C-alpha cells in the first residue's frame, strides 16, 4: 500500500495536491457513506427517524470532533519529528499518543454515555423523535474509543507522508458500514440504533486492520521497551498540540449546538431539511478539508526541516486551487440543488426540498471564506501554534451562537442557512492576521529574512 513520504523536497504544488487527493477521496467516500446512511434511514424509517439522527449531529460533532481534533493534533509533533529525521522521537511520540488516547477516550465515553439523556433534553429535541435520537447517540458515544483510535492511526500515517493507506481503509470501512446499515435497519429492524451499531462496528474492524498494517509495514514505528515509556515531556508536547486542536472543533460545535437547538424548536420538518442540506454540503466541501489536512502535514514536515519558504508557497498554491473549486461548486449546487434533495426525501416533500436548496445556495456562496478558514488554520497548526486555532473556533462559535440564540427563533429557517457563512467570515477575520503574525515569529526564530 502506502509508504512514508518526505514532503520537504520537490515541487510544492505537485506535492500538496498529490498528497491531498487521496485525503479528498477518503473524505468523499466517508461523506458518501454519511449520505447513504442518512438516505437509508430516511427512506426506510421515514422523516421522523431522519430528523432523529439529524438532531444528534451537532452534539456528535462536539464530542467526536474533539476526539478527532485531538488525534489530528497528536500527529503534528510526529510530522515535525519525521521532517527533522528524528526516528527515535517519532517512535516515542507515537507510544505516548497511545497512552493518552486510552486515558482520554475512556473518560469521554463514561461522561457522555451517562449524560446522553440530559444532553438531548437541553437541546430541546422534539418529543416525537427523542427516543430514536437517544438510541442512536448512546451507541455512538459507547464507540468513542473505537472512533478515536481509528482516526488517530489514520492521522499518524498521514503525518509520515502516507495519505493513500488511510484512503484504502476508509473505503473498506465505508462499504462495510453501508452493508451493515442495510442489514441492521432493513432486515434486523433495529431502527436508528442499528445505524449507530453499523458505524461503530465498521470503524472497529477498520481500526484493527489499520493497526495490524502499521505494525507490519512501518519499521519506523517498531518500538523497543525504552520507546514505550510514559514520557512527561512527550505527553506535554502532545497535549499542547492536541488539546487546542480538539477544543477548536468542540468550541465550534458549541455554536452548532445552539443553532441546532434553535432549528429543533422550529419542528421536525426543518430539522430534516437542515440534516439533509448539511449532509450534501459536507460532501461538497471535502476538497477544502483535504487541502487543510494536507497543509497541516506539509507545514509540519517543512517546519521541522526549517523550510518556511515552502510553507508560504504551499499556502499560495492551495488558495489558487481552492478558489477555482469554490466557483465550480457554487454553480453546480445552484443548478442541481433540488435534484440532490431527492436523495433524502420523496418529491411530495416540496417544502423540505425547497429548504434544502436554499441552505445549499447560502453556504456555497460563501465557500471562499471556508477556504480561508481551512488553509490559514491548518498552516498555523502545522507551525505548532495550535492555541490560535482555539480562538478561531471561538469566533465560529460566537457567530453560530448569535444566530441560534437571537435570530433563528424570531426570524426562522432562512437565517439558519446563513449561520455557517457568518461563522467562516468571523474566523477568517481572526486567522489571516494571526497567520501573518505567526509567520513573522517563525522567520525570526529560524533567522530567515
Protein backbone atom coordinates (compact mmCIF):
# COMPACT_ATOMS: atom_id res chain seq x y z
CA UNK A 1 0.00 0.00 0.00
CA UNK A 2 1.44 3.38 1.04
CA UNK A 3 4.88 4.36 2.25
CA UNK A 4 6.47 7.18 4.21
CA UNK A 5 6.89 10.33 2.15
CA UNK A 6 9.20 13.29 2.58
CA UNK A 7 7.28 16.49 1.76
CA UNK A 8 10.29 18.76 2.30
CA UNK A 9 11.63 18.24 -1.23
CA UNK A 10 10.22 18.57 -4.75
CA UNK A 11 7.63 20.73 -6.48
CA UNK A 12 5.41 22.36 -3.83
CA UNK A 13 2.13 22.45 -5.75
CA UNK A 14 2.55 18.89 -7.01
CA UNK A 15 3.43 17.66 -3.51
CA UNK A 16 0.40 19.29 -1.86
CA UNK A 17 -2.20 18.31 -4.44
CA UNK A 18 -0.91 14.76 -4.95
CA UNK A 19 -0.85 14.31 -1.17
CA UNK A 20 -4.32 15.84 -0.74
CA UNK A 21 -6.04 13.82 -3.50
CA UNK A 22 -6.15 10.55 -1.51
CA UNK A 23 -7.30 12.52 1.54
CA UNK A 24 -10.02 14.13 -0.57
CA UNK A 25 -11.21 10.81 -1.95
CA UNK A 26 -11.20 9.42 1.56
CA UNK A 27 -13.31 12.32 2.81
CA UNK A 28 -15.62 11.99 -0.20
CA UNK A 29 -16.07 8.32 0.46
CA UNK A 30 -16.77 8.98 4.12
CA UNK A 31 -19.35 11.60 3.20
CA UNK A 32 -20.75 9.23 0.58
CA UNK A 33 -21.28 6.78 3.38
CA UNK A 34 -22.88 9.51 5.51
CA UNK A 35 -25.25 10.40 2.67
CA UNK A 36 -26.15 6.75 2.04
CA UNK A 37 -26.55 6.14 5.78
CA UNK A 38 -28.89 9.13 6.08
CA UNK A 39 -30.76 8.12 2.91
CA UNK A 40 -31.25 4.58 4.24
CA UNK A 41 -32.65 5.95 7.49
CA UNK A 42 -34.92 8.45 5.70
CA UNK A 43 -36.17 6.07 3.00
CA UNK A 44 -36.72 3.02 5.24
CA UNK A 45 -37.64 4.54 8.59
CA UNK A 46 -39.20 7.85 7.45
CA UNK A 47 -38.81 11.58 8.00
CA UNK A 48 -39.06 11.39 11.80
CA UNK A 49 -36.17 8.92 12.01
CA UNK A 50 -34.20 11.13 9.61
CA UNK A 51 -34.82 14.08 11.93
CA UNK A 52 -33.92 11.96 14.97
CA UNK A 53 -30.47 11.18 13.58
CA UNK A 54 -30.04 14.77 12.39
CA UNK A 55 -30.92 16.19 15.80
CA UNK A 56 -27.84 14.47 17.24
CA UNK A 57 -25.45 15.84 14.62
CA UNK A 58 -24.16 18.91 16.40
CA UNK A 59 -23.58 17.23 19.76
CA UNK A 60 -21.85 14.33 18.00
CA UNK A 61 -19.59 16.87 16.33
CA UNK A 62 -18.90 18.38 19.76
CA UNK A 63 -17.64 15.10 21.22
CA UNK A 64 -16.31 13.22 18.20
CA UNK A 65 -14.85 16.43 16.81
CA UNK A 66 -12.83 16.82 19.99
CA UNK A 67 -11.60 13.22 19.66
CA UNK A 68 -10.70 13.63 16.00
CA UNK A 69 -9.07 17.02 16.59
CA UNK A 70 -7.09 15.55 19.46
CA UNK A 71 -5.85 12.71 17.27
CA UNK A 72 -5.01 15.08 14.41
CA UNK A 73 -3.14 17.33 16.84
CA UNK A 74 -1.15 14.36 18.16
CA UNK A 75 0.01 13.70 14.59
CA UNK A 76 1.59 17.15 14.17
CA UNK A 77 4.57 16.57 16.53
CA UNK A 78 5.12 13.26 14.74
CA UNK A 79 5.17 15.08 11.37
CA UNK A 80 7.66 17.63 12.74
CA UNK A 81 9.96 14.94 14.12
CA UNK A 82 9.74 12.99 10.90
CA UNK A 83 10.63 16.14 8.93
CA UNK A 84 13.62 16.63 11.26
CA UNK A 85 14.70 12.99 10.60
CA UNK A 86 14.31 12.11 14.31
CA UNK A 87 13.17 8.46 14.13
CA UNK A 88 13.56 7.82 17.85
CA UNK A 89 11.42 10.87 18.54
CA UNK A 90 8.77 9.56 16.12
CA UNK A 91 8.53 6.22 17.95
CA UNK A 92 8.43 7.67 21.44
CA UNK A 93 5.88 10.29 20.49
CA UNK A 94 3.75 7.58 18.88
CA UNK A 95 3.89 5.48 22.06
CA UNK A 96 2.70 8.36 24.18
CA UNK A 97 -0.10 9.03 21.68
CA UNK A 98 -1.40 5.58 22.57
CA UNK A 99 -1.17 6.20 26.32
CA UNK A 100 -3.02 9.49 26.07
CA UNK A 101 -5.61 8.06 23.69
CA UNK A 102 -6.53 5.28 26.11
CA UNK A 103 -6.96 7.64 29.05
CA UNK A 104 -8.89 10.37 27.29
CA UNK A 105 -11.20 8.21 25.19
CA UNK A 106 -12.29 6.13 28.20
CA UNK A 107 -13.01 9.25 30.26
CA UNK A 108 -15.06 10.79 27.44
CA UNK A 109 -17.04 7.57 26.96
CA UNK A 110 -18.04 7.38 30.62
CA UNK A 111 -19.09 11.03 30.85
CA UNK A 112 -21.04 11.21 27.58
CA UNK A 113 -22.99 7.97 27.99
CA UNK A 114 -24.08 8.97 31.49
CA UNK A 115 -25.21 12.41 30.29
CA UNK A 116 -26.77 11.40 26.97
CA UNK A 117 -30.39 11.85 28.08
CA UNK A 118 -29.69 15.23 29.67
CA UNK A 119 -27.93 16.44 26.52
CA UNK A 120 -30.95 15.72 24.34
CA UNK A 121 -33.24 17.40 26.85
CA UNK A 122 -31.10 20.55 26.96
CA UNK A 123 -31.14 20.66 23.14
CA UNK A 124 -34.95 20.78 23.13
CA UNK A 125 -35.17 17.65 20.97
CA UNK A 126 -38.79 17.25 19.76
CA UNK A 127 -40.80 14.70 21.78
CA UNK A 128 -41.74 12.68 18.71
CA UNK A 129 -38.09 11.86 17.92
CA UNK A 130 -36.26 11.99 21.26
CA UNK A 131 -36.41 8.22 21.85
CA UNK A 132 -34.87 7.43 18.46
CA UNK A 133 -32.26 10.15 18.98
CA UNK A 134 -31.24 8.65 22.33
CA UNK A 135 -30.84 5.14 20.89
CA UNK A 136 -28.57 6.44 18.15
CA UNK A 137 -26.48 8.83 20.24
CA UNK A 138 -25.89 6.45 23.17
CA UNK A 139 -24.38 3.78 20.95
CA UNK A 140 -22.22 6.30 19.09
CA UNK A 141 -20.86 7.50 22.45
CA UNK A 142 -20.11 3.91 23.51
CA UNK A 143 -17.93 3.65 20.43
CA UNK A 144 -15.79 6.72 21.21
CA UNK A 145 -12.60 4.68 21.88
CA UNK A 146 -13.02 2.91 18.54
CA UNK A 147 -13.60 6.17 16.65
CA UNK A 148 -10.68 7.88 18.37
CA UNK A 149 -8.08 5.21 17.64
CA UNK A 150 -9.18 4.65 14.07
CA UNK A 151 -8.87 8.37 13.29
CA UNK A 152 -5.66 8.80 15.29
CA UNK A 153 -3.89 5.96 13.47
CA UNK A 154 -5.01 7.37 10.12
CA UNK A 155 -3.65 10.79 11.13
CA UNK A 156 -0.29 9.31 12.11
CA UNK A 157 0.00 7.57 8.74
CA UNK A 158 -0.60 10.92 7.03
CA UNK A 159 1.98 12.55 9.31
CA UNK A 160 4.53 10.13 7.86
CA UNK A 161 3.55 11.24 4.35
CA UNK A 162 1.28 8.28 3.57
CA UNK A 163 -2.13 9.57 2.50
CA UNK A 164 -3.05 6.53 0.38
CA UNK A 165 -3.29 3.81 3.02
CA UNK A 166 -5.84 5.70 5.17
CA UNK A 167 -7.92 6.06 1.98
CA UNK A 168 -7.95 2.29 1.42
CA UNK A 169 -9.04 1.60 4.99
CA UNK A 170 -11.67 4.32 4.81
CA UNK A 171 -13.14 2.88 1.61
CA UNK A 172 -13.31 -0.54 3.25
CA UNK A 173 -14.88 0.91 6.40
CA UNK A 174 -17.49 2.87 4.43
CA UNK A 175 -18.54 -0.09 2.28
CA UNK A 176 -18.76 -2.31 5.34
CA UNK A 177 -20.77 0.40 7.09
CA UNK A 178 -23.31 0.61 4.27
CA UNK A 179 -23.73 -3.17 4.20
CA UNK A 180 -24.21 -3.28 7.97
CA UNK A 181 -26.69 -0.37 7.76
CA UNK A 182 -28.94 -2.30 5.39
CA UNK A 183 -28.66 -5.45 7.49
CA UNK A 184 -29.29 -3.77 10.84
CA UNK A 185 -32.04 -1.36 9.74
CA UNK A 186 -33.93 -3.17 6.98
CA UNK A 187 -33.55 -6.84 7.88
CA UNK A 188 -32.94 -6.88 11.64
CA UNK A 189 -35.31 -3.97 12.29
CA UNK A 190 -33.08 -2.25 14.85
CA UNK A 191 -34.12 1.27 13.80
CA UNK A 192 -31.83 4.21 14.48
CA UNK A 193 -29.84 2.09 16.94
CA UNK A 194 -28.97 -0.18 14.02
CA UNK A 195 -27.42 2.73 12.12
CA UNK A 196 -25.20 3.53 15.12
CA UNK A 197 -24.20 -0.12 15.63
CA UNK A 198 -23.20 -0.36 11.97
CA UNK A 199 -20.99 2.74 12.27
CA UNK A 200 -19.14 1.59 15.38
CA UNK A 201 -18.68 -1.98 14.13
CA UNK A 202 -17.26 -0.85 10.78
CA UNK A 203 -14.79 1.53 12.44
CA UNK A 204 -13.71 -1.20 14.86
CA UNK A 205 -12.85 -3.60 12.04
CA UNK A 206 -11.05 -0.90 10.04
CA UNK A 207 -9.15 0.32 13.11
CA UNK A 208 -7.84 -3.16 13.90
CA UNK A 209 -6.77 -3.64 10.29
CA UNK A 210 -5.02 -0.26 10.33
CA UNK A 211 -3.08 -1.14 13.50
CA UNK A 212 -2.00 -4.51 12.09
CA UNK A 213 -0.88 -2.89 8.86
CA UNK A 214 1.16 -0.21 10.64
CA UNK A 215 2.84 -2.85 12.75
CA UNK A 216 3.83 -4.97 9.75
CA UNK A 217 4.77 -2.27 7.21
CA UNK A 218 6.34 0.63 9.13
CA UNK A 219 9.68 -0.22 10.79
CA UNK A 220 9.97 3.41 11.89
CA UNK A 221 7.11 2.70 14.34
CA UNK A 222 8.58 -0.52 15.77
CA UNK A 223 9.08 0.31 19.45
CA UNK A 224 11.61 -1.06 21.88
CA UNK A 225 10.91 -1.19 25.61
CA UNK A 226 12.52 2.21 26.16
CA UNK A 227 10.28 3.78 23.50
CA UNK A 228 7.11 2.63 25.27
CA UNK A 229 7.79 4.55 28.48
CA UNK A 230 5.28 7.15 29.66
CA UNK A 231 7.28 10.32 28.96
CA UNK A 232 6.12 13.52 30.67
CA UNK A 233 7.91 15.71 28.12
CA UNK A 234 6.28 13.92 25.19
CA UNK A 235 2.90 14.00 26.92
CA UNK A 236 3.21 17.75 27.38
CA UNK A 237 4.17 18.19 23.72
CA UNK A 238 1.22 16.10 22.56
CA UNK A 239 -1.26 17.86 24.82
CA UNK A 240 -0.03 21.27 23.68
CA UNK A 241 -0.70 20.26 20.06
CA UNK A 242 -3.75 18.03 20.51
CA UNK A 243 -5.92 19.69 23.14
CA UNK A 244 -6.14 23.08 21.39
CA UNK A 245 -6.96 21.34 18.12
CA UNK A 246 -9.62 19.24 19.83
CA UNK A 247 -11.03 22.28 21.60
CA UNK A 248 -11.14 24.11 18.28
CA UNK A 249 -13.62 21.53 16.98
CA UNK A 250 -15.56 21.39 20.23
CA UNK A 251 -15.85 25.12 20.68
CA UNK A 252 -17.03 25.41 17.10
CA UNK A 253 -19.56 22.68 17.83
CA UNK A 254 -21.00 24.61 20.79
CA UNK A 255 -22.19 27.22 18.32
CA UNK A 256 -23.59 24.42 16.15
CA UNK A 257 -25.46 23.02 19.14
CA UNK A 258 -27.03 26.40 19.87
CA UNK A 259 -28.02 26.65 16.22
CA UNK A 260 -29.33 23.07 16.16
CA UNK A 261 -31.36 23.76 19.30
CA UNK A 262 -32.98 26.74 17.57
CA UNK A 263 -33.77 24.64 14.48
CA UNK A 264 -35.17 21.85 16.69
CA UNK A 265 -37.60 24.41 18.07
CA UNK A 266 -38.90 25.07 14.55
CA UNK A 267 -40.13 21.47 14.17
CA UNK A 268 -39.05 18.13 12.71
CA UNK A 269 -39.52 19.22 9.05
CA UNK A 270 -36.91 21.94 9.48
CA UNK A 271 -34.63 19.52 11.34
CA UNK A 272 -34.91 17.14 8.38
CA UNK A 273 -34.16 20.00 5.96
CA UNK A 274 -31.07 21.05 7.93
CA UNK A 275 -29.91 17.43 8.25
CA UNK A 276 -30.21 16.70 4.53
CA UNK A 277 -28.71 20.01 3.43
CA UNK A 278 -25.84 19.54 5.86
CA UNK A 279 -25.10 16.06 4.52
CA UNK A 280 -24.90 17.32 0.94
CA UNK A 281 -22.83 20.33 1.97
CA UNK A 282 -20.35 18.18 3.88
CA UNK A 283 -19.90 16.08 0.76
CA UNK A 284 -19.21 19.12 -1.42
CA UNK A 285 -16.71 20.74 0.97
CA UNK A 286 -14.49 17.65 1.22
CA UNK A 287 -11.80 19.21 -1.04
CA UNK A 288 -11.47 22.12 1.40
CA UNK A 289 -11.00 19.69 4.29
CA UNK A 290 -8.47 17.66 2.27
CA UNK A 291 -6.46 20.78 1.45
CA UNK A 292 -6.38 21.74 5.11
CA UNK A 293 -5.29 18.28 6.27
CA UNK A 294 -2.59 18.14 3.59
CA UNK A 295 -1.34 21.61 4.55
CA UNK A 296 -1.05 20.62 8.22
CA UNK A 297 1.23 17.67 7.39
CA UNK A 298 3.11 19.59 4.69
CA UNK A 299 3.69 22.53 7.06
CA UNK A 300 4.66 20.28 9.96
CA UNK A 301 7.33 18.46 7.97
CA UNK A 302 8.73 21.66 6.44
CA UNK A 303 8.80 23.48 9.76
CA UNK A 304 10.75 20.52 11.14
CA UNK A 305 13.15 20.92 8.21
CA UNK A 306 13.17 24.75 8.66
CA UNK A 307 11.95 25.37 5.11
CA UNK A 308 9.47 28.19 5.68
CA UNK A 309 9.54 29.44 2.08
CA UNK A 310 7.97 26.13 1.04
CA UNK A 311 5.21 26.73 3.59
CA UNK A 312 4.43 30.12 2.02
CA UNK A 313 4.35 28.64 -1.46
CA UNK A 314 2.17 25.75 -0.29
CA UNK A 315 -0.41 28.15 1.13
CA UNK A 316 -0.44 30.13 -2.12
CA UNK A 317 -0.97 27.04 -4.28
CA UNK A 318 -3.77 25.78 -2.02
CA UNK A 319 -5.63 29.10 -2.19
CA UNK A 320 -5.45 29.20 -6.00
CA UNK A 321 -6.76 25.66 -6.37
CA UNK A 322 -9.44 26.17 -3.72
CA UNK A 323 -10.73 29.35 -5.34
CA UNK A 324 -11.31 27.58 -8.65
CA UNK A 325 -13.18 24.80 -6.87
CA UNK A 326 -15.32 27.31 -4.91
CA UNK A 327 -16.67 28.83 -8.11
CA UNK A 328 -17.39 25.47 -9.76
CA UNK A 329 -19.17 24.07 -6.69
CA UNK A 330 -21.45 27.12 -6.35
CA UNK A 331 -22.60 26.80 -9.97
CA UNK A 332 -23.21 23.07 -9.51
CA UNK A 333 -25.30 23.45 -6.34
CA UNK A 334 -27.28 26.36 -7.77
CA UNK A 335 -28.31 24.25 -10.78
CA UNK A 336 -28.75 20.82 -9.21
CA UNK A 337 -29.70 21.55 -5.57
CA UNK A 338 -33.33 20.40 -5.95
CA UNK A 339 -32.28 17.11 -7.56
CA UNK A 340 -29.78 16.42 -4.79
CA UNK A 341 -32.50 16.89 -2.18
CA UNK A 342 -34.37 13.92 -3.69
CA UNK A 343 -31.66 11.64 -2.35
CA UNK A 344 -33.23 12.00 1.09
CA UNK A 345 -36.94 12.71 0.58
CA UNK A 346 -39.71 11.99 -1.92
CA UNK A 347 -40.94 14.53 -4.49
CA UNK A 348 -44.05 15.09 -2.37
CA UNK A 349 -41.95 16.85 0.31
CA UNK A 350 -41.83 20.12 -1.64
CA UNK A 351 -41.20 22.41 1.34
CA UNK A 352 -38.28 20.32 2.58
CA UNK A 353 -36.80 20.16 -0.94
CA UNK A 354 -37.00 23.95 -1.24
CA UNK A 355 -35.41 24.45 2.19
CA UNK A 356 -32.54 22.11 1.32
CA UNK A 357 -31.85 24.02 -1.93
CA UNK A 358 -31.85 27.38 -0.13
CA UNK A 359 -29.47 26.02 2.52
CA UNK A 360 -27.04 24.78 -0.14
CA UNK A 361 -27.01 28.05 -2.11
CA UNK A 362 -26.44 30.18 1.01
CA UNK A 363 -23.47 28.05 2.04
CA UNK A 364 -21.93 27.68 -1.43
CA UNK A 365 -21.96 31.44 -1.99
CA UNK A 366 -19.55 31.74 0.95
CA UNK A 367 -17.10 28.94 0.16
CA UNK A 368 -14.20 31.37 -0.37
CA UNK A 369 -14.39 32.20 3.33
CA UNK A 370 -14.44 28.48 4.18
CA UNK A 371 -11.32 28.08 2.01
CA UNK A 372 -9.64 30.78 4.07
CA UNK A 373 -10.56 29.05 7.31
CA UNK A 374 -9.19 25.67 6.21
CA UNK A 375 -5.95 26.93 4.69
CA UNK A 376 -4.82 29.52 7.24
CA UNK A 377 -5.99 27.48 10.23
CA UNK A 378 -4.15 24.30 9.27
CA UNK A 379 -0.95 26.09 8.30
CA UNK A 380 -0.95 27.75 11.73
CA UNK A 381 -1.48 24.36 13.36
CA UNK A 382 1.30 22.78 11.32
CA UNK A 383 3.61 25.53 12.56
CA UNK A 384 2.85 24.43 16.12
CA UNK A 385 0.62 27.34 17.20
CA UNK A 386 -2.48 25.24 17.87
CA UNK A 387 -3.74 27.56 20.60
CA UNK A 388 -4.62 30.12 17.94
CA UNK A 389 -6.95 27.57 16.34
CA UNK A 390 -8.98 27.61 19.55
CA UNK A 391 -9.54 31.34 19.18
CA UNK A 392 -10.71 30.89 15.59
CA UNK A 393 -13.09 28.24 16.88
CA UNK A 394 -14.40 30.75 19.43
CA UNK A 395 -15.12 33.17 16.59
CA UNK A 396 -17.13 30.50 14.77
CA UNK A 397 -18.96 29.61 17.97
CA UNK A 398 -19.94 33.24 18.54
CA UNK A 399 -21.35 33.61 15.04
CA UNK A 400 -23.42 30.41 15.13
CA UNK A 401 -24.43 31.04 18.74
CA UNK A 402 -25.67 34.54 17.99
CA UNK A 403 -27.72 33.26 15.09
CA UNK A 404 -29.09 30.34 17.10
CA UNK A 405 -29.99 32.23 20.26
CA UNK A 406 -31.19 35.56 18.95
CA UNK A 407 -32.01 35.39 15.23
CA UNK A 408 -33.33 31.98 14.15
CA UNK A 409 -36.07 31.64 16.85
CA UNK A 410 -37.51 35.02 15.79
CA UNK A 411 -36.89 35.14 12.04
CA UNK A 412 -36.91 31.49 11.04
CA UNK A 413 -35.05 28.90 8.99
CA UNK A 414 -33.61 31.19 6.32
CA UNK A 415 -31.27 32.74 8.88
CA UNK A 416 -30.09 29.31 9.99
CA UNK A 417 -28.84 28.92 6.41
CA UNK A 418 -26.55 31.93 6.89
CA UNK A 419 -25.09 30.78 10.22
CA UNK A 420 -22.10 28.87 8.83
CA UNK A 421 -21.17 31.58 6.29
CA UNK A 422 -21.18 34.14 9.11
CA UNK A 423 -19.01 31.79 11.20
CA UNK A 424 -16.48 31.48 8.37
CA UNK A 425 -16.30 35.26 8.00
CA UNK A 426 -15.68 35.68 11.74
CA UNK A 427 -12.96 33.01 11.72
CA UNK A 428 -11.17 34.47 8.69
CA UNK A 429 -11.14 37.91 10.32
CA UNK A 430 -9.00 36.37 13.07
CA UNK A 431 -6.98 33.76 11.18
CA UNK A 432 -5.44 35.90 8.44
CA UNK A 433 -3.81 38.41 10.83
CA UNK A 434 -2.85 35.50 13.13
CA UNK A 435 -1.08 33.73 10.26
CA UNK A 436 0.89 36.86 9.36
CA UNK A 437 1.97 37.23 12.99
CA UNK A 438 2.99 33.56 13.32
CA UNK A 439 4.85 33.67 10.01
CA UNK A 440 6.88 36.65 11.24
CA UNK A 441 7.70 34.91 14.54
CA UNK A 442 8.79 31.72 12.80
CA UNK A 443 11.09 33.55 10.40
CA UNK A 444 12.70 35.42 13.30
CA UNK A 445 13.04 32.17 15.25
CA UNK A 446 14.84 30.43 12.41
CA UNK A 447 16.69 33.58 11.33
CA UNK A 448 15.12 33.61 7.87
CA UNK A 449 14.87 37.05 6.26
